[in-house]
Amino acid sequence: MRQDNQLLVITHLSQLASLLTGFGGLLIPLILWATQKEKVFNMDEQGKSIVNFQLSLIIYAIICIPLILLLGLGILGFIVLGIISIIFPVINAIKASNGETPDYPMSIHFIK
């Protein structure tokens, strides 16, 4: 296995593709993780956390839809999710570039 912090950084930042496409934030990291998990050191661990984070964001967004009817709490939820979906990939990309272990809070661990 090779140490490739740049690819790890790209994998974390590829989540921001959802800002442009709406769904690329899950597909691009999923493809990178699936193809590189055996070749790059720490890709398996970090790829799983990215996919878990993206799946968790999707579930939280689905939960926010009916909450729109309840005093507009869903709109507030969407705003918070939007901010979280931008901030944590950037922070964790910086951590990955420094060789630290990234952490995505509020993630449901679908893939272990």
C-alpha atoms as a PDB file:
ATOM      1  CA  MET A   1       0.000   0.000   0.000  1.00  0.00           C
ATOM      2  CA  ARG A   2       1.166   3.492  -0.720  1.00  0.00           C
ATOM      3  CA  GLN A   3       0.686   6.657   1.308  1.00  0.00           C
ATOM      4  CA  ASP A   4      -1.233   9.165  -0.833  1.00  0.00           C
ATOM      5  CA  ASN A   5      -2.511  12.093   1.211  1.00  0.00           C
ATOM      6  CA  GLN A   6      -3.396  14.030  -1.938  1.00  0.00           C
ATOM      7  CA  LEU A   7      -5.858  11.375  -3.067  1.00  0.00           C
ATOM      8  CA  LEU A   8      -7.376  11.325   0.420  1.00  0.00           C
ATOM      9  CA  VAL A   9      -7.779  15.108   0.286  1.00  0.00           C
ATOM     10  CA  ILE A  10      -9.405  14.865  -3.156  1.00  0.00           C
ATOM     11  CA  THR A  11     -11.750  12.177  -1.850  1.00  0.00           C
ATOM     12  CA  HIS A  12     -12.857  14.396   1.030  1.00  0.00           C
ATOM     13  CA  LEU A  13     -13.244  17.470  -1.167  1.00  0.00           C
ATOM     14  CA  SER A  14     -15.122  15.515  -3.839  1.00  0.00           C
ATOM     15  CA  GLN A  15     -18.095  15.589  -1.489  1.00  0.00           C
ATOM     16  CA  LEU A  16     -18.482  19.235  -2.469  1.00  0.00           C
ATOM     17  CA  ALA A  17     -19.509  18.062  -5.952  1.00  0.00           C
ATOM     18  CA  SER A  18     -23.023  17.763  -4.553  1.00  0.00           C
ATOM     19  CA  LEU A  19     -23.144  21.570  -4.567  1.00  0.00           C
ATOM     20  CA  LEU A  20     -22.923  21.435  -8.367  1.00  0.00           C
ATOM     21  CA  THR A  21     -24.670  18.197  -9.276  1.00  0.00           C
ATOM     22  CA  GLY A  22     -26.824  17.326  -6.270  1.00  0.00           C
ATOM     23  CA  PHE A  23     -25.693  13.711  -6.142  1.00  0.00           C
ATOM     24  CA  GLY A  24     -21.964  13.710  -6.971  1.00  0.00           C
ATOM     25  CA  GLY A  25     -21.086  14.141  -3.302  1.00  0.00           C
ATOM     26  CA  LEU A  26     -21.899  10.481  -2.778  1.00  0.00           C
ATOM     27  CA  LEU A  27     -20.944   8.950  -6.119  1.00  0.00           C
ATOM     28  CA  ILE A  28     -17.457  10.379  -6.585  1.00  0.00           C
ATOM     29  CA  PRO A  29     -16.133   9.423  -3.105  1.00  0.00           C
ATOM     30  CA  LEU A  30     -17.836   6.037  -3.438  1.00  0.00           C
ATOM     31  CA  ILE A  31     -16.058   5.351  -6.736  1.00  0.00           C
ATOM     32  CA  LEU A  32     -12.709   6.593  -5.400  1.00  0.00           C
ATOM     33  CA  TRP A  33     -13.074   4.490  -2.255  1.00  0.00           C
ATOM     34  CA  ALA A  34     -14.136   1.345  -4.124  1.00  0.00           C
ATOM     35  CA  THR A  35     -11.284   1.533  -6.614  1.00  0.00           C
ATOM     36  CA  GLN A  36      -8.480   2.658  -4.285  1.00  0.00           C
ATOM     37  CA  LYS A  37      -9.218   1.043  -0.904  1.00  0.00           C
ATOM     38  CA  GLU A  38      -6.744  -1.798  -1.518  1.00  0.00           C
ATOM     39  CA  LYS A  39      -4.035   0.464  -2.953  1.00  0.00           C
ATOM     40  CA  VAL A  40      -3.901   3.555  -0.720  1.00  0.00           C
ATOM     41  CA  PHE A  41      -3.121   3.500   2.998  1.00  0.00           C
ATOM     42  CA  ASN A  42      -6.107   4.717   5.110  1.00  0.00           C
ATOM     43  CA  MET A  43      -8.408   4.956   2.068  1.00  0.00           C
ATOM     44  CA  ASP A  44     -10.628   2.139   3.334  1.00  0.00           C
ATOM     45  CA  GLU A  45     -11.194   3.744   6.728  1.00  0.00           C
ATOM     46  CA  GLN A  46     -11.659   7.275   5.420  1.00  0.00           C
ATOM     47  CA  GLY A  47     -13.752   6.183   2.450  1.00  0.00           C
ATOM     48  CA  LYS A  48     -16.153   4.361   4.753  1.00  0.00           C
ATOM     49  CA  SER A  49     -16.515   7.433   6.950  1.00  0.00           C
ATOM     50  CA  ILE A  50     -17.188   9.642   3.908  1.00  0.00           C
ATOM     51  CA  VAL A  51     -19.837   7.295   2.513  1.00  0.00           C
ATOM     52  CA  ASN A  52     -21.443   6.959   5.950  1.00  0.00           C
ATOM     53  CA  PHE A  53     -21.472  10.757   6.296  1.00  0.00           C
ATOM     54  CA  GLN A  54     -23.081  11.256   2.887  1.00  0.00           C
ATOM     55  CA  LEU A  55     -25.723   8.579   3.515  1.00  0.00           C
ATOM     56  CA  SER A  56     -26.455  10.167   6.897  1.00  0.00           C
ATOM     57  CA  LEU A  57     -26.912  13.575   5.258  1.00  0.00           C
ATOM     58  CA  ILE A  58     -29.391  12.059   2.806  1.00  0.00           C
ATOM     59  CA  ILE A  59     -31.402  10.515   5.639  1.00  0.00           C
ATOM     60  CA  TYR A  60     -31.359  13.762   7.616  1.00  0.00           C
ATOM     61  CA  ALA A  61     -32.555  15.641   4.524  1.00  0.00           C
ATOM     62  CA  ILE A  62     -35.428  13.174   4.089  1.00  0.00           C
ATOM     63  CA  ILE A  63     -36.360  13.733   7.745  1.00  0.00           C
ATOM     64  CA  CYS A  64     -36.355  17.519   7.173  1.00  0.00           C
ATOM     65  CA  ILE A  65     -38.974  17.327   4.417  1.00  0.00           C
ATOM     66  CA  PRO A  66     -41.985  16.622   6.665  1.00  0.00           C
ATOM     67  CA  LEU A  67     -40.582  18.984   9.303  1.00  0.00           C
ATOM     68  CA  ILE A  68     -41.154  21.892   6.918  1.00  0.00           C
ATOM     69  CA  LEU A  69     -44.839  21.682   7.821  1.00  0.00           C
ATOM     70  CA  LEU A  70     -44.000  21.886  11.525  1.00  0.00           C
ATOM     71  CA  LEU A  71     -43.289  25.595  11.991  1.00  0.00           C
ATOM     72  CA  GLY A  72     -40.657  25.590   9.257  1.00  0.00           C
ATOM     73  CA  LEU A  73     -38.189  23.494  11.253  1.00  0.00           C
ATOM     74  CA  GLY A  74     -37.323  21.577   8.098  1.00  0.00           C
ATOM     75  CA  ILE A  75     -36.049  24.734   6.424  1.00  0.00           C
ATOM     76  CA  LEU A  76     -33.795  25.390   9.403  1.00  0.00           C
ATOM     77  CA  GLY A  77     -32.678  21.755   9.201  1.00  0.00           C
ATOM     78  CA  PHE A  78     -31.808  22.128   5.515  1.00  0.00           C
ATOM     79  CA  ILE A  79     -29.761  25.241   6.266  1.00  0.00           C
ATOM     80  CA  VAL A  80     -27.852  23.450   9.030  1.00  0.00           C
ATOM     81  CA  LEU A  81     -27.284  20.409   6.798  1.00  0.00           C
ATOM     82  CA  GLY A  82     -26.016  22.655   4.024  1.00  0.00           C
ATOM     83  CA  ILE A  83     -23.506  24.302   6.315  1.00  0.00           C
ATOM     84  CA  ILE A  84     -22.395  20.967   7.774  1.00  0.00           C
ATOM     85  CA  SER A  85     -22.016  19.430   4.312  1.00  0.00           C
ATOM     86  CA  ILE A  86     -19.567  22.188   3.367  1.00  0.00           C
ATOM     87  CA  ILE A  87     -17.613  22.649   6.595  1.00  0.00           C
ATOM     88  CA  PHE A  88     -16.818  19.053   7.585  1.00  0.00           C
ATOM     89  CA  PRO A  89     -15.415  17.893   4.224  1.00  0.00           C
ATOM     90  CA  VAL A  90     -13.083  20.912   4.164  1.00  0.00           C
ATOM     91  CA  ILE A  91     -11.947  20.416   7.772  1.00  0.00           C
ATOM     92  CA  ASN A  92     -11.399  16.701   7.224  1.00  0.00           C
ATOM     93  CA  ALA A  93      -9.523  17.311   3.958  1.00  0.00           C
ATOM     94  CA  ILE A  94      -7.122  19.515   5.913  1.00  0.00           C
ATOM     95  CA  LYS A  95      -6.772  16.797   8.560  1.00  0.00           C
ATOM     96  CA  ALA A  96      -6.111  14.172   5.877  1.00  0.00           C
ATOM     97  CA  SER A  97      -3.437  16.331   4.266  1.00  0.00           C
ATOM     98  CA  ASN A  98      -1.669  16.563   7.639  1.00  0.00           C
ATOM     99  CA  GLY A  99      -1.885  12.795   8.164  1.00  0.00           C
ATOM    100  CA  GLU A 100      -4.462  13.070  10.956  1.00  0.00           C
ATOM    101  CA  THR A 101      -7.548  10.890  11.255  1.00  0.00           C
ATOM    102  CA  PRO A 102     -10.660  12.732  10.038  1.00  0.00           C
ATOM    103  CA  ASP A 103     -13.903  12.541  11.971  1.00  0.00           C
ATOM    104  CA  TYR A 104     -17.447  13.086  10.746  1.00  0.00           C
ATOM    105  CA  PRO A 105     -19.799  13.704  13.670  1.00  0.00           C
ATOM    106  CA  MET A 106     -23.489  12.864  13.365  1.00  0.00           C
ATOM    107  CA  SER A 107     -22.669   9.969  11.010  1.00  0.00           C
ATOM    108  CA  ILE A 108     -24.694   6.816  11.183  1.00  0.00           C
ATOM    109  CA  HIS A 109     -22.339   3.885  10.675  1.00  0.00           C
ATOM    110  CA  PHE A 110     -23.935   1.929   7.844  1.00  0.00           C
ATOM    111  CA  ILE A 111     -20.617   0.527   6.615  1.00  0.00           C
ATOM    112  CA  LYS A 112     -18.241  -0.732   9.289  1.00  0.00           C
END
